[in-house]
Each structure stands twice: as C-alpha cells, then as structure tokens.
Protein backbone atom coordinates (compact mmCIF):
# COMPACT_ATOMS: atom_id res chain seq x y z
CA MET A 1 63.30 88.06 115.93
CA SER A 2 66.76 88.64 116.27
CA ARG A 3 68.89 89.64 113.03
CA PRO A 4 70.85 86.56 111.66
CA GLU A 5 74.30 87.97 112.13
CA LEU A 6 73.18 88.96 115.89
CA GLN A 7 72.69 85.25 116.57
CA ALA A 8 75.62 83.00 115.50
CA PRO A 9 78.62 83.45 113.35
CA PRO A 10 78.36 83.16 109.37
CA GLU A 11 80.01 79.78 109.56
CA ILE A 12 77.97 78.29 112.35
CA TYR A 13 74.50 80.39 111.42
CA TYR A 14 74.34 78.49 107.89
CA GLY A 15 74.91 74.66 109.28
CA ASP A 16 73.46 72.23 106.97
CA SER A 17 69.80 72.46 107.43
CA GLU A 18 69.71 76.81 107.36
CA ALA A 19 71.56 76.56 103.93
CA LYS A 20 69.43 73.92 102.37
CA LYS A 21 66.12 76.23 103.82
CA TYR A 22 67.67 79.39 102.99
CA THR A 23 68.19 78.06 99.39
CA THR A 24 65.32 77.06 98.91
CA SER A 25 62.62 78.92 100.02
CA THR A 26 60.86 80.85 97.16
CA ARG A 27 60.54 84.50 98.85
CA ASN A 28 64.53 84.23 99.29
CA GLN A 29 64.81 82.83 95.94
CA GLN A 30 62.57 86.10 94.91
CA ILE A 31 64.89 88.92 97.06
CA GLN A 32 67.72 87.79 96.29
CA ALA A 33 67.38 87.78 92.46
CA ASP A 34 65.92 91.47 92.92
CA MET A 35 68.63 92.61 94.83
CA THR A 36 71.44 91.43 92.52
CA TYR A 37 69.30 92.53 89.24
CA ARG A 38 69.81 95.70 90.80
CA ALA A 39 73.24 95.39 91.89
CA LEU A 40 74.51 94.67 88.31
CA GLU A 41 72.29 97.93 87.13
CA LEU A 42 74.27 100.36 89.07
CA LEU A 43 77.56 98.31 88.65
CA HIS A 44 76.25 99.96 84.82
CA LEU A 45 78.82 96.97 82.94
CA PRO A 46 79.02 97.74 79.22
CA PRO A 47 76.10 95.52 77.43
CA ASP A 48 77.36 92.64 76.22
CA ASP A 49 80.78 92.48 77.85
CA PRO A 50 82.09 89.31 78.84
CA ALA A 51 83.12 90.70 82.17
CA ILE A 52 85.30 88.60 84.90
CA LEU A 53 82.72 89.18 88.35
CA LEU A 54 83.58 88.53 92.79
CA ASP A 55 80.73 87.73 93.93
CA ILE A 56 81.31 88.45 97.47
CA GLY A 57 79.50 86.22 100.27
CA CYS A 58 77.93 83.81 97.30
CA GLY A 59 76.79 81.31 99.90
CA SER A 60 74.39 78.85 97.73
CA GLY A 61 74.87 80.86 94.26
CA LEU A 62 72.04 82.75 94.09
CA SER A 63 73.53 85.68 92.90
CA GLY A 64 75.89 83.77 90.92
CA GLU A 65 73.00 81.82 88.72
CA ILE A 66 71.62 85.45 87.57
CA LEU A 67 75.38 86.45 86.90
CA ASP A 68 76.17 83.01 84.88
CA GLU A 69 72.71 83.63 82.86
CA GLU A 70 73.76 87.77 82.20
CA GLY A 71 76.81 86.11 80.48
CA TYR A 72 79.35 86.62 83.30
CA ILE A 73 81.72 84.99 84.18
CA TRP A 74 82.28 84.60 87.76
CA ALA A 75 84.68 84.01 91.37
CA GLY A 76 82.64 83.26 95.02
CA VAL A 77 83.79 83.57 98.04
CA ASP A 78 82.36 82.54 101.53
CA ILE A 79 82.84 81.35 104.77
CA ALA A 80 79.79 78.52 105.20
CA PRO A 81 80.80 75.55 104.13
CA SER A 82 77.35 73.90 104.12
CA MET A 83 76.51 77.30 101.54
CA LEU A 84 79.11 76.41 99.35
CA GLU A 85 77.95 72.67 99.57
CA VAL A 86 74.88 73.30 98.32
CA ALA A 87 76.49 75.78 95.52
CA LEU A 88 78.27 72.75 94.71
CA GLU A 89 75.17 70.04 94.84
CA ARG A 90 73.21 73.00 92.46
CA GLU A 91 76.13 73.07 89.79
CA VAL A 92 76.11 76.81 89.44
CA GLU A 93 79.18 77.59 86.74
CA GLY A 94 81.27 79.98 89.07
CA ASP A 95 84.31 78.92 91.26
CA LEU A 96 83.74 78.90 94.85
CA PHE A 97 86.34 79.56 97.48
CA LEU A 98 86.16 79.13 101.52
CA GLN A 99 86.93 82.61 102.39
CA ASP A 100 86.80 84.62 105.75
CA ILE A 101 85.84 87.91 104.33
CA GLY A 102 87.47 89.99 106.82
CA GLN A 103 91.19 88.76 106.94
CA GLY A 104 90.85 89.91 102.97
CA PHE A 105 91.05 88.23 99.51
CA GLY A 106 94.32 86.46 97.95
CA PHE A 107 93.49 87.40 94.51
CA ARG A 108 96.01 89.63 92.47
CA PRO A 109 96.08 92.99 91.79
CA GLY A 110 93.53 94.19 88.56
CA SER A 111 91.80 90.52 88.37
CA PHE A 112 88.44 91.40 88.66
CA ASP A 113 85.52 94.10 86.45
CA GLY A 114 83.51 94.45 89.12
CA ALA A 115 81.60 93.12 92.21
CA ILE A 116 78.48 92.54 94.06
CA SER A 117 77.56 91.32 97.34
CA ILE A 118 73.93 90.68 98.84
CA SER A 119 73.64 91.13 101.92
CA VAL A 120 76.72 90.47 103.50
CA LEU A 121 78.78 93.50 105.01
CA GLN A 122 76.65 93.36 108.32
CA TRP A 123 78.39 90.40 109.04
CA LEU A 124 81.49 92.16 109.68
CA LEU A 125 80.43 94.98 112.37
CA ASN A 126 80.29 91.94 114.72
CA ALA A 127 83.59 91.49 117.12
CA GLU A 128 83.55 87.72 117.36
CA THR A 129 86.66 87.44 119.95
CA SER A 130 88.28 90.50 122.18
CA HIS A 131 91.72 90.13 119.86
CA PRO A 132 92.52 93.64 117.68
CA THR A 133 92.33 91.75 114.75
CA SER A 134 88.64 90.56 115.37
CA SER A 135 87.17 94.25 115.86
CA PRO A 136 85.04 95.42 112.93
CA PRO A 137 87.79 98.58 112.42
CA HIS A 138 90.10 95.97 111.62
CA ARG A 139 88.33 93.31 109.43
CA LEU A 140 86.54 96.48 107.39
CA ASN A 141 89.66 97.84 106.91
CA ARG A 142 91.29 94.07 105.54
CA PHE A 143 88.10 93.65 103.04
CA PHE A 144 88.41 97.02 101.37
CA THR A 145 92.00 97.35 101.63
CA THR A 146 92.58 94.07 99.72
CA LEU A 147 89.47 94.74 97.26
CA HIS A 148 90.18 97.85 96.14
CA THR A 149 93.25 95.38 95.01
CA ALA A 150 91.38 92.94 93.19
CA LEU A 151 89.85 95.36 91.21
CA ARG A 152 90.86 96.72 88.00
CA ASN A 153 90.76 100.34 86.56
CA PRO A 154 88.40 101.71 86.66
CA SER A 155 85.55 99.49 87.99
CA ARG A 156 82.93 99.62 90.70
CA ALA A 157 82.19 97.58 93.37
CA ILE A 158 78.01 97.69 94.46
CA LEU A 159 77.67 96.07 98.46
CA GLN A 160 73.66 95.83 99.29
CA PHE A 161 73.36 95.57 102.94
CA TYR A 162 71.40 96.47 106.45
CA PRO A 163 72.47 98.80 108.84
CA THR A 164 71.02 99.26 111.60
CA SER A 165 71.77 102.60 112.55
CA ASP A 166 73.37 105.86 110.55
CA ASP A 167 77.38 105.35 112.88
CA GLN A 168 77.29 101.72 111.19
CA ILE A 169 77.14 103.42 107.62
CA GLN A 170 79.82 106.17 108.32
CA LEU A 171 81.85 103.67 109.65
CA ILE A 172 81.98 101.42 106.32
CA THR A 173 82.05 104.59 104.01
CA SER A 174 84.83 106.66 106.10
CA ILE A 175 86.99 103.29 105.61
CA ALA A 176 86.12 102.57 102.13
CA GLN A 177 87.10 105.92 101.32
CA ARG A 178 90.55 105.53 103.15
CA ALA A 179 91.16 102.39 100.86
CA GLY A 180 91.24 104.09 97.71
CA PHE A 181 87.64 104.30 96.88
CA GLY A 182 85.69 106.59 95.66
CA GLY A 183 81.59 106.15 95.74
CA GLY A 184 78.84 106.40 98.19
CA ILE A 185 75.46 105.07 99.77
CA VAL A 186 72.45 104.75 97.09
CA VAL A 187 69.16 104.29 99.22
CA ASP A 188 66.23 102.67 97.12
CA TYR A 189 63.01 103.57 98.17
CA PRO A 190 64.00 105.87 101.32
CA ASN A 191 60.76 106.21 102.27
CA SER A 192 59.34 102.74 102.56
CA LYS A 193 60.23 100.46 105.40
CA LYS A 194 59.39 97.28 103.82
CA ALA A 195 61.17 98.08 100.06
CA ARG A 196 63.80 100.23 101.12
CA LYS A 197 67.35 99.26 100.10
CA VAL A 198 70.86 100.23 101.18
CA PHE A 199 73.76 99.96 98.74
CA LEU A 200 77.28 101.34 98.89
CA CYS A 201 78.47 101.44 95.80
CA LEU A 202 82.46 102.50 95.72
CA PHE A 203 84.56 103.40 92.43
CA VAL A 204 87.85 102.04 91.70
CA GLY A 205 89.30 104.90 89.26
CA GLY A 206 87.72 107.65 87.28
CA GLY A 207 84.85 107.02 84.47
CA GLY A 208 87.59 107.78 81.79
CA GLY A 209 88.94 110.91 80.03
CA GLY A 210 90.12 112.25 83.27
CA GLN A 211 86.03 112.21 84.82
CA GLN A 212 84.66 111.15 87.32
CA GLN A 213 81.85 108.66 87.59
CA GLN A 214 78.94 109.93 89.20
CA LEU A 215 77.35 108.34 92.31
CA PRO A 216 74.24 106.92 90.73
CA LYS A 217 70.23 108.22 92.03
CA GLY A 218 68.79 105.27 94.11
CA LEU A 219 64.84 104.70 93.17
CA GLU A 220 61.88 106.93 94.47
CA GLY A 221 58.31 106.06 95.14
CA GLU A 222 56.93 103.04 96.04
CA GLU A 223 58.22 100.08 94.84
CA ASP A 224 56.04 98.86 92.01
CA GLY A 225 55.58 94.68 91.32
CA HIS A 226 54.11 95.39 88.25
CA VAL A 227 56.71 97.10 86.78
CA CYS A 228 60.34 96.41 88.06
CA PHE A 229 62.53 93.17 86.80
CA GLU A 230 60.55 91.70 83.73
CA ARG A 231 63.20 89.95 82.52
CA ARG A 232 64.15 88.66 86.24
CA ARG A 233 59.97 87.21 86.31
CA GLU A 234 60.88 85.88 82.99
CA LYS A 235 64.26 83.90 83.49
CA GLU A 236 62.25 83.04 87.02
CA ARG A 237 60.04 80.98 85.46
CA LYS A 238 62.70 78.83 83.60
CA ARG A 239 63.96 77.64 87.17
CA ASP A 240 61.84 75.07 89.54
CA ARG A 241 61.32 75.55 92.85
CA SER A 242 64.54 74.30 94.51
CA GLY A 243 65.89 77.06 92.92
CA LYS A 244 68.25 75.25 90.48
CA ARG A 245 68.02 76.04 86.58
CA LYS A 246 65.53 73.51 84.67
CA ALA A 247 67.33 72.37 81.30
CA VAL A 248 68.40 74.18 78.56
CA LYS A 249 68.89 72.64 75.28
CA ASP A 250 68.75 75.88 73.14
CA ARG A 251 71.66 75.45 70.67
CA ASP A 252 72.80 79.19 71.87
CA TRP A 253 72.70 78.43 75.43
CA ILE A 254 75.12 75.96 74.72
CA LEU A 255 77.55 77.69 72.61
CA LYS A 256 77.69 80.31 74.84
CA LYS A 257 78.37 78.12 77.27
CA LYS A 258 81.24 76.16 75.61
CA GLU A 259 82.84 79.05 75.59
CA LEU A 260 82.75 80.68 78.26
CA TYR A 261 84.66 77.10 79.84
CA ARG A 262 87.28 78.15 77.21
CA GLN A 263 88.17 81.04 78.19
CA ARG A 264 88.50 80.52 81.94
CA GLY A 265 91.07 76.88 80.55
CA LYS A 266 88.69 74.43 81.44
CA GLU A 267 90.33 70.90 79.37
CA GLY A 268 88.51 69.02 77.48
CA VAL A 269 85.29 71.30 76.17
CA PRO A 270 84.34 69.16 73.11
CA ARG A 271 84.79 71.08 69.71
CA ASP A 272 81.74 72.74 68.13
CA SER A 273 79.56 71.04 65.18
CA LYS A 274 76.31 71.05 63.49
CA TYR A 275 75.17 68.12 65.70
CA THR A 276 75.93 70.56 68.84
CA GLY A 277 72.64 71.08 70.82
CA ARG A 278 70.45 68.74 68.53
CA LYS A 279 67.69 67.00 70.05
CA ARG A 280 68.22 64.04 70.18
CA LYS A 281 65.00 61.23 68.26
CA ALA A 282 64.03 59.57 71.40
CA THR A 283 65.05 55.58 71.71
CA PHE A 284 62.99 52.26 73.06
C-alpha cells in the first residue's frame, strides 16, 4: 500500500473520516505513545521542570496528551483541520494552531524549551505544485529556520520521521545544519525492519559551561515489549478505547492542572481549598 504522504496532501488525506479512524486505532495509539516517550527521553529535559514544548504536527493530540500527563505545557500545530477538530472533541489541554509548517512558524524568539514531532517531517519532502516556494528544499529551509528561532538557547528538537532513502536524510540534515542546528540522526534498532525508527535530534546552543551537547545513542538489539515503556503501559490503563483519558479525581492531579492553567494565564481558575478534589456524596 502506498505511503500516506504519496497519496494526497495531509490536509486532504486526513479528512473527517480518516482523522477519526486514525485516532481511534489502538495500534496507532500505541505506536504514537511509544515514539512520544522515546522523543521525550531524547529531549533530555530536567526532571520536574514545567517546560513549554512545541508539538509539530500534533494531529488529534495523541502525543499532546502524554506531554500533558508528564506535566509539560505545550502548544500544537497541524495543517489538517479535521485532525484539530478531533483534538478539540477529545479536550486536549494544549493550545492548538492551524499551521502549514512548510511556511514556517510565527512564534516569538525563544518561546519554547523544546520541540517534538512524530511521523511528520516526511510530508515536507513532496512538492504539491511546481512553484519554487513549494519545493522541498525551500519548505524545509523555512521550517528549520523559524523553528530554530522559536527555541530557546540551549534546547533540543526531536523529530521522528520515515525517510525512504539516504538522500532524503542527507537533504534534511544539511538544511537543518545551515539553519543553525547542531546534532544529527539517531536510529533505534537499526537491524530490525519492523522496529527501526529514525529520529532527527537537533541542538540549539551548547550544553552549558561551553560544552557541546552530545548526540544520544540509538537503542540496539531487538525491541523488548516486556521491558520498554513500563511507565507508558501504566498510563495506558487509564485510557479508554477512544483514546480519551478516563476521569481522574485525584487531588494532586487537580491542583497540578489548576496551577498549569494559572501559569498559562487562563482566567476563572477556581481557588484552591480544603474541598478541592473531595469526592462528593451521592444524592438521590
């Protein structure tokens, strides 16, 4: 079967039916969760740091919900209106933007502490028209240049994608480096046709103290489903089959959410009290 990016532009391919089908697929949910947790590992953020992250190609918010559960503040961009509609229906917590990433970002310099992207970058490798601004090099240049500006110094961007050739990898990495990024390619399970995953790990600035950030190592051997992502499995038990989080009534969770809302400037957040998170008695 032909790859999705070869069939139609993303805003057309992911129409209403395809957006819902993709989101409710338990297989897609698991793959997305696995790669999101791996991207966060490669992002290497300080623990318990309420960082602000950019989810590039956020779709219906499958990755964004994990960012939210991990305590990050996030914003998501996507070009497919139907995907964003599903994200709104699922009540994801991040701020959503309808955006063609090939035209670049309009965020203020240093807005984000990091960025992740899952299965998106390959969509920029296809020219939709013959106009010069639609060429992959032009769109990639706009993407990486404005992404570099939107990230603070130092920071990282972890972009998982599906290249079809070494030439595509070379094109992407060379344009990213010209935009000012350091870093390179990290490949997990390089000898496995099924589990192999390619991550573009990009650095902005150094690692502090004048030191250069070190490129992480890819995972080797065969993927062990009984060992990897134990934390993810525990959280997946809290989800229903639609992919939406089940109700959470823990007091600490509620206080954490309210604090995130306050940090983001949301108005009308209720004050904390001894009654916050208290289970109400049943009434008849």
